[in-house]
Amino acid sequence: MQTTSRGDDSPQLSPVAEVVKVRVSLVINDVTCPKCMERVKEALSSLGGREVKMELLPQGRAYVRLTLSEVSAERVTEALKRASQGTKHNYVLAEFKVED
């Protein structure tokens, strides 16, 4: 807890939110080239994803590891859907795993 002063020298407690970060690994379908990887990385970064590491896998898939403060497969799915718009691709979350 942090303290703040109200001006009358009596401290007041104010809560400090602690952000919990979680390592997540993903497999995403229909990622076929470096441009796809760039789009997916931008989409995940828009969710607050940090330390995003990607690797192209055979058959148009990508393996991704990143750190997120808010973990939700639904949020990742929506971000991938937005990243697919205007392209010939349909990025789909195939695996979502929270790491220990």
C-alpha atoms as a PDB file:
ATOM      1  CA  MET A   1       0.000   0.000   0.000  1.00  0.00           C
ATOM      2  CA  GLN A   2       1.120   3.544  -0.693  1.00  0.00           C
ATOM      3  CA  THR A   3       0.163   6.490   1.456  1.00  0.00           C
ATOM      4  CA  THR A   4      -1.042   9.847   0.262  1.00  0.00           C
ATOM      5  CA  SER A   5      -1.560  12.989   2.245  1.00  0.00           C
ATOM      6  CA  ARG A   6      -4.835  14.923   2.349  1.00  0.00           C
ATOM      7  CA  GLY A   7      -3.092  18.116   3.345  1.00  0.00           C
ATOM      8  CA  ASP A   8      -3.918  17.804   7.053  1.00  0.00           C
ATOM      9  CA  ASP A   9      -0.931  15.519   7.732  1.00  0.00           C
ATOM     10  CA  SER A  10      -3.165  12.458   8.174  1.00  0.00           C
ATOM     11  CA  PRO A  11      -2.068   9.755   5.771  1.00  0.00           C
ATOM     12  CA  GLN A  12      -4.648   7.978   3.685  1.00  0.00           C
ATOM     13  CA  LEU A  13      -4.047   4.517   2.260  1.00  0.00           C
ATOM     14  CA  SER A  14      -4.483   4.085  -1.456  1.00  0.00           C
ATOM     15  CA  PRO A  15      -4.343   0.667  -3.119  1.00  0.00           C
ATOM     16  CA  VAL A  16      -1.602  -0.054  -5.626  1.00  0.00           C
ATOM     17  CA  ALA A  17      -2.617  -2.600  -8.232  1.00  0.00           C
ATOM     18  CA  GLU A  18      -0.093  -5.325  -8.779  1.00  0.00           C
ATOM     19  CA  VAL A  19      -0.024  -6.619 -12.346  1.00  0.00           C
ATOM     20  CA  VAL A  20       0.456 -10.360 -12.559  1.00  0.00           C
ATOM     21  CA  LYS A  21       2.128 -11.481 -15.751  1.00  0.00           C
ATOM     22  CA  VAL A  22       1.691 -14.985 -17.092  1.00  0.00           C
ATOM     23  CA  ARG A  23       3.710 -16.872 -19.715  1.00  0.00           C
ATOM     24  CA  VAL A  24       1.498 -18.304 -22.433  1.00  0.00           C
ATOM     25  CA  SER A  25       2.249 -20.562 -25.384  1.00  0.00           C
ATOM     26  CA  LEU A  26       0.034 -20.598 -28.458  1.00  0.00           C
ATOM     27  CA  VAL A  27      -0.225 -22.429 -31.757  1.00  0.00           C
ATOM     28  CA  ILE A  28      -1.875 -20.382 -34.481  1.00  0.00           C
ATOM     29  CA  ASN A  29      -3.069 -21.756 -37.829  1.00  0.00           C
ATOM     30  CA  ASP A  30      -2.770 -20.103 -41.272  1.00  0.00           C
ATOM     31  CA  VAL A  31       0.493 -18.269 -40.509  1.00  0.00           C
ATOM     32  CA  THR A  32       2.452 -18.888 -43.698  1.00  0.00           C
ATOM     33  CA  CYS A  33       5.007 -16.099 -44.134  1.00  0.00           C
ATOM     34  CA  PRO A  34       6.962 -13.342 -42.371  1.00  0.00           C
ATOM     35  CA  LYS A  35       4.174 -10.813 -43.121  1.00  0.00           C
ATOM     36  CA  CYS A  36       1.689 -13.109 -41.343  1.00  0.00           C
ATOM     37  CA  MET A  37       4.042 -13.327 -38.393  1.00  0.00           C
ATOM     38  CA  GLU A  38       4.237  -9.535 -38.284  1.00  0.00           C
ATOM     39  CA  ARG A  39       0.430  -9.202 -38.284  1.00  0.00           C
ATOM     40  CA  VAL A  40       0.021 -11.792 -35.536  1.00  0.00           C
ATOM     41  CA  LYS A  41       2.771 -10.241 -33.430  1.00  0.00           C
ATOM     42  CA  GLU A  42       1.112  -6.812 -33.726  1.00  0.00           C
ATOM     43  CA  ALA A  43      -2.243  -8.314 -32.747  1.00  0.00           C
ATOM     44  CA  LEU A  44      -0.773  -9.975 -29.653  1.00  0.00           C
ATOM     45  CA  SER A  45       1.178  -6.863 -28.723  1.00  0.00           C
ATOM     46  CA  SER A  46      -2.079  -4.880 -28.865  1.00  0.00           C
ATOM     47  CA  LEU A  47      -3.313  -7.095 -26.013  1.00  0.00           C
ATOM     48  CA  GLY A  48      -0.339  -6.094 -23.901  1.00  0.00           C
ATOM     49  CA  GLY A  49       1.723  -9.082 -24.991  1.00  0.00           C
ATOM     50  CA  ARG A  50       5.385  -8.720 -24.088  1.00  0.00           C
ATOM     51  CA  GLU A  51       8.432 -10.773 -24.989  1.00  0.00           C
ATOM     52  CA  VAL A  52       6.627 -12.166 -28.031  1.00  0.00           C
ATOM     53  CA  LYS A  53       8.680 -14.933 -29.640  1.00  0.00           C
ATOM     54  CA  MET A  54       7.405 -16.666 -32.771  1.00  0.00           C
ATOM     55  CA  GLU A  55       8.517 -19.622 -34.821  1.00  0.00           C
ATOM     56  CA  LEU A  56       7.018 -20.782 -38.107  1.00  0.00           C
ATOM     57  CA  LEU A  57       6.026 -24.443 -38.073  1.00  0.00           C
ATOM     58  CA  PRO A  58       5.268 -26.720 -41.022  1.00  0.00           C
ATOM     59  CA  GLN A  59       1.780 -26.672 -42.560  1.00  0.00           C
ATOM     60  CA  GLY A  60       1.150 -22.941 -42.063  1.00  0.00           C
ATOM     61  CA  ARG A  61       1.292 -22.855 -38.289  1.00  0.00           C
ATOM     62  CA  ALA A  62       3.177 -20.675 -35.853  1.00  0.00           C
ATOM     63  CA  TYR A  63       4.321 -21.414 -32.309  1.00  0.00           C
ATOM     64  CA  VAL A  64       4.219 -18.327 -30.086  1.00  0.00           C
ATOM     65  CA  ARG A  65       5.427 -17.685 -26.541  1.00  0.00           C
ATOM     66  CA  LEU A  66       4.635 -14.434 -24.804  1.00  0.00           C
ATOM     67  CA  THR A  67       3.855 -12.778 -21.498  1.00  0.00           C
ATOM     68  CA  LEU A  68       0.361 -11.386 -20.919  1.00  0.00           C
ATOM     69  CA  SER A  69      -1.113  -9.605 -17.946  1.00  0.00           C
ATOM     70  CA  GLU A  70      -4.674 -10.601 -18.851  1.00  0.00           C
ATOM     71  CA  VAL A  71      -4.916 -14.187 -20.030  1.00  0.00           C
ATOM     72  CA  SER A  72      -7.918 -15.100 -22.138  1.00  0.00           C
ATOM     73  CA  ALA A  73      -8.212 -17.344 -25.183  1.00  0.00           C
ATOM     74  CA  GLU A  74     -11.248 -15.295 -26.223  1.00  0.00           C
ATOM     75  CA  ARG A  75      -9.232 -12.050 -26.295  1.00  0.00           C
ATOM     76  CA  VAL A  76      -6.486 -13.727 -28.340  1.00  0.00           C
ATOM     77  CA  THR A  77      -9.070 -15.169 -30.743  1.00  0.00           C
ATOM     78  CA  GLU A  78     -10.663 -11.741 -31.274  1.00  0.00           C
ATOM     79  CA  ALA A  79      -7.262 -10.102 -31.866  1.00  0.00           C
ATOM     80  CA  LEU A  80      -6.393 -12.774 -34.450  1.00  0.00           C
ATOM     81  CA  LYS A  81      -9.742 -12.268 -36.173  1.00  0.00           C
ATOM     82  CA  ARG A  82      -9.005  -8.527 -36.457  1.00  0.00           C
ATOM     83  CA  ALA A  83      -5.501  -9.277 -37.785  1.00  0.00           C
ATOM     84  CA  SER A  84      -7.043 -11.499 -40.497  1.00  0.00           C
ATOM     85  CA  GLN A  85      -9.372  -8.780 -41.795  1.00  0.00           C
ATOM     86  CA  GLY A  86      -8.430  -7.506 -45.240  1.00  0.00           C
ATOM     87  CA  THR A  87      -6.131 -10.457 -45.906  1.00  0.00           C
ATOM     88  CA  LYS A  88      -6.619 -13.852 -47.531  1.00  0.00           C
ATOM     89  CA  HIS A  89      -5.786 -15.457 -44.181  1.00  0.00           C
ATOM     90  CA  ASN A  90      -7.907 -16.649 -41.297  1.00  0.00           C
ATOM     91  CA  TYR A  91      -5.608 -16.801 -38.266  1.00  0.00           C
ATOM     92  CA  VAL A  92      -7.067 -19.325 -35.837  1.00  0.00           C
ATOM     93  CA  LEU A  93      -5.959 -20.158 -32.321  1.00  0.00           C
ATOM     94  CA  ALA A  94      -5.291 -23.922 -32.324  1.00  0.00           C
ATOM     95  CA  GLU A  95      -3.697 -24.255 -28.872  1.00  0.00           C
ATOM     96  CA  PHE A  96      -3.637 -22.014 -25.791  1.00  0.00           C
ATOM     97  CA  LYS A  97      -1.549 -23.044 -22.798  1.00  0.00           C
ATOM     98  CA  VAL A  98      -0.709 -21.119 -19.648  1.00  0.00           C
ATOM     99  CA  GLU A  99       2.804 -22.105 -18.611  1.00  0.00           C
ATOM    100  CA  ASP A 100       3.903 -22.832 -15.067  1.00  0.00           C
END
